[in-house]
Amino acid sequence: MAIKTTVRLDETIVKEAKRKALDEDKTFQEVVDLALREFLNKKISTRKVSIDELTAYPLEVKGNLKREDLYKDYLEIKFPARSK
């Protein structure tokens, strides 16, 4: 059963989805349904990360070391799709 709802989408995403629908001879609704279904079914990695896979920083590091820099390799290992 389909439910009618209102969702605000970025204009660029809507244009890309409509173009994809035309290219694949589908409706806009079918493209949106498929994209949302694939997103919801995506399994998030639960793999344990070994300490050896992470970069070590000595305590005396000075400068502009940011949180993103510290966790970058962890995130690339844990969530490879996000790092692209």
PDB file of N, CA and C in Angstrom:
ATOM      1  N   MET A   1       0.848  -1.176   0.000  1.00  0.00           N
ATOM      2  CA  MET A   1       0.000   0.000   0.000  1.00  0.00           C
ATOM      3  C   MET A   1       0.897   1.245   0.000  1.00  0.00           C
ATOM      4  N   ALA A   2       0.630   2.142  -0.877  1.00  0.00           N
ATOM      5  CA  ALA A   2       1.407   3.378  -0.967  1.00  0.00           C
ATOM      6  C   ALA A   2       0.781   4.448  -0.074  1.00  0.00           C
ATOM      7  N   ILE A   3       1.641   5.248   0.510  1.00  0.00           N
ATOM      8  CA  ILE A   3       1.205   6.354   1.356  1.00  0.00           C
ATOM      9  C   ILE A   3       1.718   7.640   0.742  1.00  0.00           C
ATOM     10  N   LYS A   4       0.855   8.625   0.651  1.00  0.00           N
ATOM     11  CA  LYS A   4       1.257   9.914   0.098  1.00  0.00           C
ATOM     12  C   LYS A   4       1.870  10.752   1.219  1.00  0.00           C
ATOM     13  N   THR A   5       3.036  11.330   0.935  1.00  0.00           N
ATOM     14  CA  THR A   5       3.716  12.155   1.924  1.00  0.00           C
ATOM     15  C   THR A   5       4.458  13.275   1.216  1.00  0.00           C
ATOM     16  N   THR A   6       4.852  14.261   1.959  1.00  0.00           N
ATOM     17  CA  THR A   6       5.609  15.377   1.398  1.00  0.00           C
ATOM     18  C   THR A   6       7.022  15.318   1.945  1.00  0.00           C
ATOM     19  N   VAL A   7       7.992  15.371   1.034  1.00  0.00           N
ATOM     20  CA  VAL A   7       9.400  15.351   1.414  1.00  0.00           C
ATOM     21  C   VAL A   7      10.085  16.467   0.647  1.00  0.00           C
ATOM     22  N   ARG A   8      10.924  17.220   1.324  1.00  0.00           N
ATOM     23  CA  ARG A   8      11.690  18.267   0.648  1.00  0.00           C
ATOM     24  C   ARG A   8      13.025  17.690   0.220  1.00  0.00           C
ATOM     25  N   LEU A   9      13.297  17.760  -1.083  1.00  0.00           N
ATOM     26  CA  LEU A   9      14.524  17.222  -1.636  1.00  0.00           C
ATOM     27  C   LEU A   9      15.320  18.330  -2.301  1.00  0.00           C
ATOM     28  N   ASP A  10      16.615  18.174  -2.282  1.00  0.00           N
ATOM     29  CA  ASP A  10      17.491  19.113  -2.966  1.00  0.00           C
ATOM     30  C   ASP A  10      17.159  19.093  -4.459  1.00  0.00           C
ATOM     31  N   GLU A  11      17.118  20.265  -5.056  1.00  0.00           N
ATOM     32  CA  GLU A  11      16.757  20.403  -6.465  1.00  0.00           C
ATOM     33  C   GLU A  11      17.650  19.564  -7.381  1.00  0.00           C
ATOM     34  N   THR A  12      18.930  19.533  -7.071  1.00  0.00           N
ATOM     35  CA  THR A  12      19.876  18.761  -7.882  1.00  0.00           C
ATOM     36  C   THR A  12      19.561  17.267  -7.825  1.00  0.00           C
ATOM     37  N   ILE A  13      19.207  16.781  -6.647  1.00  0.00           N
ATOM     38  CA  ILE A  13      18.871  15.364  -6.492  1.00  0.00           C
ATOM     39  C   ILE A  13      17.614  15.025  -7.292  1.00  0.00           C
ATOM     40  N   VAL A  14      16.633  15.916  -7.240  1.00  0.00           N
ATOM     41  CA  VAL A  14      15.395  15.687  -7.990  1.00  0.00           C
ATOM     42  C   VAL A  14      15.686  15.616  -9.489  1.00  0.00           C
ATOM     43  N   LYS A  15      16.501  16.545  -9.976  1.00  0.00           N
ATOM     44  CA  LYS A  15      16.842  16.553 -11.402  1.00  0.00           C
ATOM     45  C   LYS A  15      17.563  15.266 -11.802  1.00  0.00           C
ATOM     46  N   GLU A  16      18.514  14.835 -10.979  1.00  0.00           N
ATOM     47  CA  GLU A  16      19.257  13.603 -11.266  1.00  0.00           C
ATOM     48  C   GLU A  16      18.327  12.390 -11.245  1.00  0.00           C
ATOM     49  N   ALA A  17      17.408  12.351 -10.282  1.00  0.00           N
ATOM     50  CA  ALA A  17      16.473  11.231 -10.180  1.00  0.00           C
ATOM     51  C   ALA A  17      15.528  11.202 -11.386  1.00  0.00           C
ATOM     52  N   LYS A  18      15.069  12.357 -11.814  1.00  0.00           N
ATOM     53  CA  LYS A  18      14.181  12.416 -12.979  1.00  0.00           C
ATOM     54  C   LYS A  18      14.936  11.995 -14.242  1.00  0.00           C
ATOM     55  N   ARG A  19      16.191  12.412 -14.356  1.00  0.00           N
ATOM     56  CA  ARG A  19      17.006  12.015 -15.507  1.00  0.00           C
ATOM     57  C   ARG A  19      17.217  10.503 -15.506  1.00  0.00           C
ATOM     58  N   LYS A  20      17.480   9.946 -14.330  1.00  0.00           N
ATOM     59  CA  LYS A  20      17.675   8.497 -14.218  1.00  0.00           C
ATOM     60  C   LYS A  20      16.389   7.760 -14.579  1.00  0.00           C
ATOM     61  N   ALA A  21      15.257   8.288 -14.143  1.00  0.00           N
ATOM     62  CA  ALA A  21      13.967   7.676 -14.467  1.00  0.00           C
ATOM     63  C   ALA A  21      13.753   7.640 -15.974  1.00  0.00           C
ATOM     64  N   LEU A  22      14.065   8.730 -16.651  1.00  0.00           N
ATOM     65  CA  LEU A  22      13.927   8.765 -18.107  1.00  0.00           C
ATOM     66  C   LEU A  22      14.876   7.782 -18.776  1.00  0.00           C
ATOM     67  N   ASP A  23      16.137   7.765 -18.310  1.00  0.00           N
ATOM     68  CA  ASP A  23      17.147   6.876 -18.895  1.00  0.00           C
ATOM     69  C   ASP A  23      16.769   5.405 -18.746  1.00  0.00           C
ATOM     70  N   GLU A  24      16.126   5.071 -17.642  1.00  0.00           N
ATOM     71  CA  GLU A  24      15.808   3.671 -17.352  1.00  0.00           C
ATOM     72  C   GLU A  24      14.342   3.326 -17.616  1.00  0.00           C
ATOM     73  N   ASP A  25      13.627   4.258 -18.229  1.00  0.00           N
ATOM     74  CA  ASP A  25      12.211   4.060 -18.554  1.00  0.00           C
ATOM     75  C   ASP A  25      11.410   3.665 -17.306  1.00  0.00           C
ATOM     76  N   LYS A  26      11.631   4.424 -16.235  1.00  0.00           N
ATOM     77  CA  LYS A  26      10.922   4.222 -14.977  1.00  0.00           C
ATOM     78  C   LYS A  26      10.252   5.531 -14.591  1.00  0.00           C
ATOM     79  N   THR A  27       9.382   5.457 -13.602  1.00  0.00           N
ATOM     80  CA  THR A  27       8.782   6.687 -13.086  1.00  0.00           C
ATOM     81  C   THR A  27       9.698   7.272 -12.019  1.00  0.00           C
ATOM     82  N   PHE A  28       9.518   8.548 -11.757  1.00  0.00           N
ATOM     83  CA  PHE A  28      10.266   9.213 -10.690  1.00  0.00           C
ATOM     84  C   PHE A  28      10.020   8.481  -9.374  1.00  0.00           C
ATOM     85  N   GLN A  29       8.772   8.092  -9.137  1.00  0.00           N
ATOM     86  CA  GLN A  29       8.414   7.381  -7.909  1.00  0.00           C
ATOM     87  C   GLN A  29       9.183   6.069  -7.773  1.00  0.00           C
ATOM     88  N   GLU A  30       9.316   5.331  -8.868  1.00  0.00           N
ATOM     89  CA  GLU A  30      10.050   4.065  -8.828  1.00  0.00           C
ATOM     90  C   GLU A  30      11.520   4.290  -8.480  1.00  0.00           C
ATOM     91  N   VAL A  31      12.112   5.334  -9.024  1.00  0.00           N
ATOM     92  CA  VAL A  31      13.519   5.640  -8.737  1.00  0.00           C
ATOM     93  C   VAL A  31      13.688   6.010  -7.269  1.00  0.00           C
ATOM     94  N   VAL A  32      12.802   6.842  -6.747  1.00  0.00           N
ATOM     95  CA  VAL A  32      12.888   7.253  -5.341  1.00  0.00           C
ATOM     96  C   VAL A  32      12.668   6.053  -4.426  1.00  0.00           C
ATOM     97  N   ASP A  33      11.659   5.234  -4.739  1.00  0.00           N
ATOM     98  CA  ASP A  33      11.395   4.030  -3.926  1.00  0.00           C
ATOM     99  C   ASP A  33      12.617   3.115  -3.884  1.00  0.00           C
ATOM    100  N   LEU A  34      13.204   2.861  -5.056  1.00  0.00           N
ATOM    101  CA  LEU A  34      14.359   1.975  -5.126  1.00  0.00           C
ATOM    102  C   LEU A  34      15.546   2.536  -4.349  1.00  0.00           C
ATOM    103  N   ALA A  35      15.796   3.834  -4.503  1.00  0.00           N
ATOM    104  CA  ALA A  35      16.922   4.461  -3.796  1.00  0.00           C
ATOM    105  C   ALA A  35      16.735   4.368  -2.280  1.00  0.00           C
ATOM    106  N   LEU A  36      15.544   4.647  -1.816  1.00  0.00           N
ATOM    107  CA  LEU A  36      15.278   4.585  -0.377  1.00  0.00           C
ATOM    108  C   LEU A  36      15.337   3.146   0.130  1.00  0.00           C
ATOM    109  N   ARG A  37      14.804   2.219  -0.659  1.00  0.00           N
ATOM    110  CA  ARG A  37      14.846   0.812  -0.266  1.00  0.00           C
ATOM    111  C   ARG A  37      16.283   0.307  -0.164  1.00  0.00           C
ATOM    112  N   GLU A  38      17.124   0.668  -1.147  1.00  0.00           N
ATOM    113  CA  GLU A  38      18.530   0.254  -1.116  1.00  0.00           C
ATOM    114  C   GLU A  38      19.253   0.869   0.078  1.00  0.00           C
ATOM    115  N   PHE A  39      18.958   2.118   0.389  1.00  0.00           N
ATOM    116  CA  PHE A  39      19.573   2.768   1.541  1.00  0.00           C
ATOM    117  C   PHE A  39      19.174   2.059   2.835  1.00  0.00           C
ATOM    118  N   LEU A  40      17.910   1.758   2.984  1.00  0.00           N
ATOM    119  CA  LEU A  40      17.424   1.121   4.212  1.00  0.00           C
ATOM    120  C   LEU A  40      17.907  -0.316   4.356  1.00  0.00           C
ATOM    121  N   ASN A  41      18.163  -0.998   3.244  1.00  0.00           N
ATOM    122  CA  ASN A  41      18.626  -2.384   3.297  1.00  0.00           C
ATOM    123  C   ASN A  41      20.139  -2.510   3.401  1.00  0.00           C
ATOM    124  N   LYS A  42      20.839  -1.391   3.256  1.00  0.00           N
ATOM    125  CA  LYS A  42      22.298  -1.441   3.295  1.00  0.00           C
ATOM    126  C   LYS A  42      22.753  -1.891   4.686  1.00  0.00           C
ATOM    127  N   LYS A  43      23.571  -2.914   4.711  1.00  0.00           N
ATOM    128  CA  LYS A  43      24.085  -3.418   5.978  1.00  0.00           C
ATOM    129  C   LYS A  43      25.328  -2.630   6.361  1.00  0.00           C
ATOM    130  N   ILE A  44      25.306  -2.109   7.533  1.00  0.00           N
ATOM    131  CA  ILE A  44      26.461  -1.380   8.044  1.00  0.00           C
ATOM    132  C   ILE A  44      27.469  -2.385   8.580  1.00  0.00           C
ATOM    133  N   SER A  45      28.708  -2.175   8.246  1.00  0.00           N
ATOM    134  CA  SER A  45      29.768  -3.081   8.664  1.00  0.00           C
ATOM    135  C   SER A  45      29.856  -3.144  10.187  1.00  0.00           C
ATOM    136  N   THR A  46      29.935  -4.363  10.690  1.00  0.00           N
ATOM    137  CA  THR A  46      30.117  -4.552  12.132  1.00  0.00           C
ATOM    138  C   THR A  46      31.475  -5.181  12.411  1.00  0.00           C
ATOM    139  N   ARG A  47      32.329  -5.135  11.397  1.00  0.00           N
ATOM    140  CA  ARG A  47      33.660  -5.717  11.541  1.00  0.00           C
ATOM    141  C   ARG A  47      34.445  -4.979  12.620  1.00  0.00           C
ATOM    142  N   LYS A  48      35.096  -5.741  13.471  1.00  0.00           N
ATOM    143  CA  LYS A  48      35.955  -5.149  14.491  1.00  0.00           C
ATOM    144  C   LYS A  48      37.216  -4.621  13.820  1.00  0.00           C
ATOM    145  N   VAL A  49      37.667  -3.464  14.273  1.00  0.00           N
ATOM    146  CA  VAL A  49      38.880  -2.861  13.728  1.00  0.00           C
ATOM    147  C   VAL A  49      40.036  -3.192  14.659  1.00  0.00           C
ATOM    148  N   SER A  50      41.075  -3.748  14.072  1.00  0.00           N
ATOM    149  CA  SER A  50      42.256  -4.100  14.842  1.00  0.00           C
ATOM    150  C   SER A  50      43.043  -2.831  15.181  1.00  0.00           C
ATOM    151  N   ILE A  51      43.638  -2.793  16.337  1.00  0.00           N
ATOM    152  CA  ILE A  51      44.455  -1.652  16.751  1.00  0.00           C
ATOM    153  C   ILE A  51      45.621  -1.450  15.784  1.00  0.00           C
ATOM    154  N   ASP A  52      46.068  -2.528  15.151  1.00  0.00           N
ATOM    155  CA  ASP A  52      47.181  -2.439  14.204  1.00  0.00           C
ATOM    156  C   ASP A  52      46.794  -1.723  12.918  1.00  0.00           C
ATOM    157  N   GLU A  53      45.499  -1.621  12.633  1.00  0.00           N
ATOM    158  CA  GLU A  53      45.039  -0.958  11.416  1.00  0.00           C
ATOM    159  C   GLU A  53      44.977   0.561  11.569  1.00  0.00           C
ATOM    160  N   LEU A  54      45.085   1.031  12.785  1.00  0.00           N
ATOM    161  CA  LEU A  54      44.935   2.467  13.045  1.00  0.00           C
ATOM    162  C   LEU A  54      46.291   3.156  13.130  1.00  0.00           C
ATOM    163  N   THR A  55      46.293   4.426  12.759  1.00  0.00           N
ATOM    164  CA  THR A  55      47.509   5.217  12.835  1.00  0.00           C
ATOM    165  C   THR A  55      47.740   5.664  14.275  1.00  0.00           C
ATOM    166  N   ALA A  56      48.973   5.576  14.739  1.00  0.00           N
ATOM    167  CA  ALA A  56      49.310   6.009  16.095  1.00  0.00           C
ATOM    168  C   ALA A  56      49.965   7.379  16.033  1.00  0.00           C
ATOM    169  N   TYR A  57      49.587   8.256  16.933  1.00  0.00           N
ATOM    170  CA  TYR A  57      50.168   9.588  17.022  1.00  0.00           C
ATOM    171  C   TYR A  57      50.852   9.720  18.385  1.00  0.00           C
ATOM    172  N   PRO A  58      52.126  10.092  18.405  1.00  0.00           N
ATOM    173  CA  PRO A  58      52.800  10.264  19.693  1.00  0.00           C
ATOM    174  C   PRO A  58      52.172  11.415  20.468  1.00  0.00           C
ATOM    175  N   LEU A  59      52.238  11.327  21.783  1.00  0.00           N
ATOM    176  CA  LEU A  59      51.623  12.347  22.632  1.00  0.00           C
ATOM    177  C   LEU A  59      52.213  13.738  22.436  1.00  0.00           C
ATOM    178  N   GLU A  60      53.470  13.799  22.017  1.00  0.00           N
ATOM    179  CA  GLU A  60      54.104  15.114  21.877  1.00  0.00           C
ATOM    180  C   GLU A  60      53.784  15.823  20.561  1.00  0.00           C
ATOM    181  N   VAL A  61      52.846  15.280  19.776  1.00  0.00           N
ATOM    182  CA  VAL A  61      52.472  15.936  18.515  1.00  0.00           C
ATOM    183  C   VAL A  61      51.904  17.307  18.816  1.00  0.00           C
ATOM    184  N   LYS A  62      52.422  18.302  18.111  1.00  0.00           N
ATOM    185  CA  LYS A  62      51.935  19.667  18.287  1.00  0.00           C
ATOM    186  C   LYS A  62      51.490  20.175  16.936  1.00  0.00           C
ATOM    187  N   GLY A  63      50.622  21.126  16.956  1.00  0.00           N
ATOM    188  CA  GLY A  63      50.161  21.699  15.700  1.00  0.00           C
ATOM    189  C   GLY A  63      48.656  21.632  15.598  1.00  0.00           C
ATOM    190  N   ASN A  64      48.175  21.511  14.389  1.00  0.00           N
ATOM    191  CA  ASN A  64      46.740  21.557  14.132  1.00  0.00           C
ATOM    192  C   ASN A  64      46.157  20.173  13.875  1.00  0.00           C
ATOM    193  N   LEU A  65      46.416  19.235  14.740  1.00  0.00           N
ATOM    194  CA  LEU A  65      45.859  17.906  14.591  1.00  0.00           C
ATOM    195  C   LEU A  65      44.380  17.974  14.951  1.00  0.00           C
ATOM    196  N   LYS A  66      43.537  17.567  14.008  1.00  0.00           N
ATOM    197  CA  LYS A  66      42.094  17.664  14.201  1.00  0.00           C
ATOM    198  C   LYS A  66      41.496  16.292  14.487  1.00  0.00           C
ATOM    199  N   ARG A  67      40.334  16.307  15.080  1.00  0.00           N
ATOM    200  CA  ARG A  67      39.620  15.068  15.386  1.00  0.00           C
ATOM    201  C   ARG A  67      39.436  14.221  14.128  1.00  0.00           C
ATOM    202  N   GLU A  68      39.099  14.896  12.994  1.00  0.00           N
ATOM    203  CA  GLU A  68      38.906  14.178  11.735  1.00  0.00           C
ATOM    204  C   GLU A  68      40.173  13.437  11.326  1.00  0.00           C
ATOM    205  N   ASP A  69      41.329  14.056  11.590  1.00  0.00           N
ATOM    206  CA  ASP A  69      42.602  13.419  11.248  1.00  0.00           C
ATOM    207  C   ASP A  69      42.828  12.170  12.100  1.00  0.00           C
ATOM    208  N   LEU A  70      42.454  12.243  13.358  1.00  0.00           N
ATOM    209  CA  LEU A  70      42.651  11.115  14.266  1.00  0.00           C
ATOM    210  C   LEU A  70      41.784   9.918  13.893  1.00  0.00           C
ATOM    211  N   TYR A  71      40.563  10.194  13.463  1.00  0.00           N
ATOM    212  CA  TYR A  71      39.614   9.121  13.194  1.00  0.00           C
ATOM    213  C   TYR A  71      39.487   8.770  11.713  1.00  0.00           C
ATOM    214  N   LYS A  72      40.226   9.446  10.839  1.00  0.00           N
ATOM    215  CA  LYS A  72      40.097   9.243   9.399  1.00  0.00           C
ATOM    216  C   LYS A  72      40.313   7.784   8.999  1.00  0.00           C
ATOM    217  N   ASP A  73      41.394   7.183   9.424  1.00  0.00           N
ATOM    218  CA  ASP A  73      41.662   5.802   9.022  1.00  0.00           C
ATOM    219  C   ASP A  73      40.631   4.842   9.608  1.00  0.00           C
ATOM    220  N   TYR A  74      40.159   5.112  10.820  1.00  0.00           N
ATOM    221  CA  TYR A  74      39.125   4.270  11.420  1.00  0.00           C
ATOM    222  C   TYR A  74      37.849   4.317  10.581  1.00  0.00           C
ATOM    223  N   LEU A  75      37.439   5.524  10.198  1.00  0.00           N
ATOM    224  CA  LEU A  75      36.216   5.676   9.421  1.00  0.00           C
ATOM    225  C   LEU A  75      36.347   5.043   8.038  1.00  0.00           C
ATOM    226  N   GLU A  76      37.531   5.129   7.438  1.00  0.00           N
ATOM    227  CA  GLU A  76      37.743   4.518   6.124  1.00  0.00           C
ATOM    228  C   GLU A  76      37.650   2.998   6.203  1.00  0.00           C
ATOM    229  N   ILE A  77      38.097   2.434   7.313  1.00  0.00           N
ATOM    230  CA  ILE A  77      38.032   0.984   7.496  1.00  0.00           C
ATOM    231  C   ILE A  77      36.604   0.553   7.843  1.00  0.00           C
ATOM    232  N   LYS A  78      35.984   1.259   8.762  1.00  0.00           N
ATOM    233  CA  LYS A  78      34.665   0.888   9.268  1.00  0.00           C
ATOM    234  C   LYS A  78      33.561   1.177   8.255  1.00  0.00           C
ATOM    235  N   PHE A  79      33.658   2.310   7.546  1.00  0.00           N
ATOM    236  CA  PHE A  79      32.628   2.725   6.609  1.00  0.00           C
ATOM    237  C   PHE A  79      33.258   3.087   5.267  1.00  0.00           C
ATOM    238  N   PRO A  80      33.734   2.105   4.504  1.00  0.00           N
ATOM    239  CA  PRO A  80      34.463   2.396   3.270  1.00  0.00           C
ATOM    240  C   PRO A  80      33.655   3.189   2.256  1.00  0.00           C
ATOM    241  N   ALA A  81      32.353   3.045   2.210  1.00  0.00           N
ATOM    242  CA  ALA A  81      31.532   3.762   1.229  1.00  0.00           C
ATOM    243  C   ALA A  81      31.522   5.262   1.511  1.00  0.00           C
ATOM    244  N   ARG A  82      31.638   5.662   2.759  1.00  0.00           N
ATOM    245  CA  ARG A  82      31.609   7.084   3.118  1.00  0.00           C
ATOM    246  C   ARG A  82      32.885   7.810   2.732  1.00  0.00           C
ATOM    247  N   SER A  83      33.985   7.105   2.644  1.00  0.00           N
ATOM    248  CA  SER A  83      35.282   7.759   2.405  1.00  0.00           C
ATOM    249  C   SER A  83      35.511   8.081   0.943  1.00  0.00           C
ATOM    250  N   LYS A  84      34.585   7.699   0.076  1.00  0.00           N
ATOM    251  CA  LYS A  84      34.761   7.939  -1.361  1.00  0.00           C
ATOM    252  C   LYS A  84      34.133   9.230  -1.771  1.00  0.00           C
TER     253      LYS A  84
END
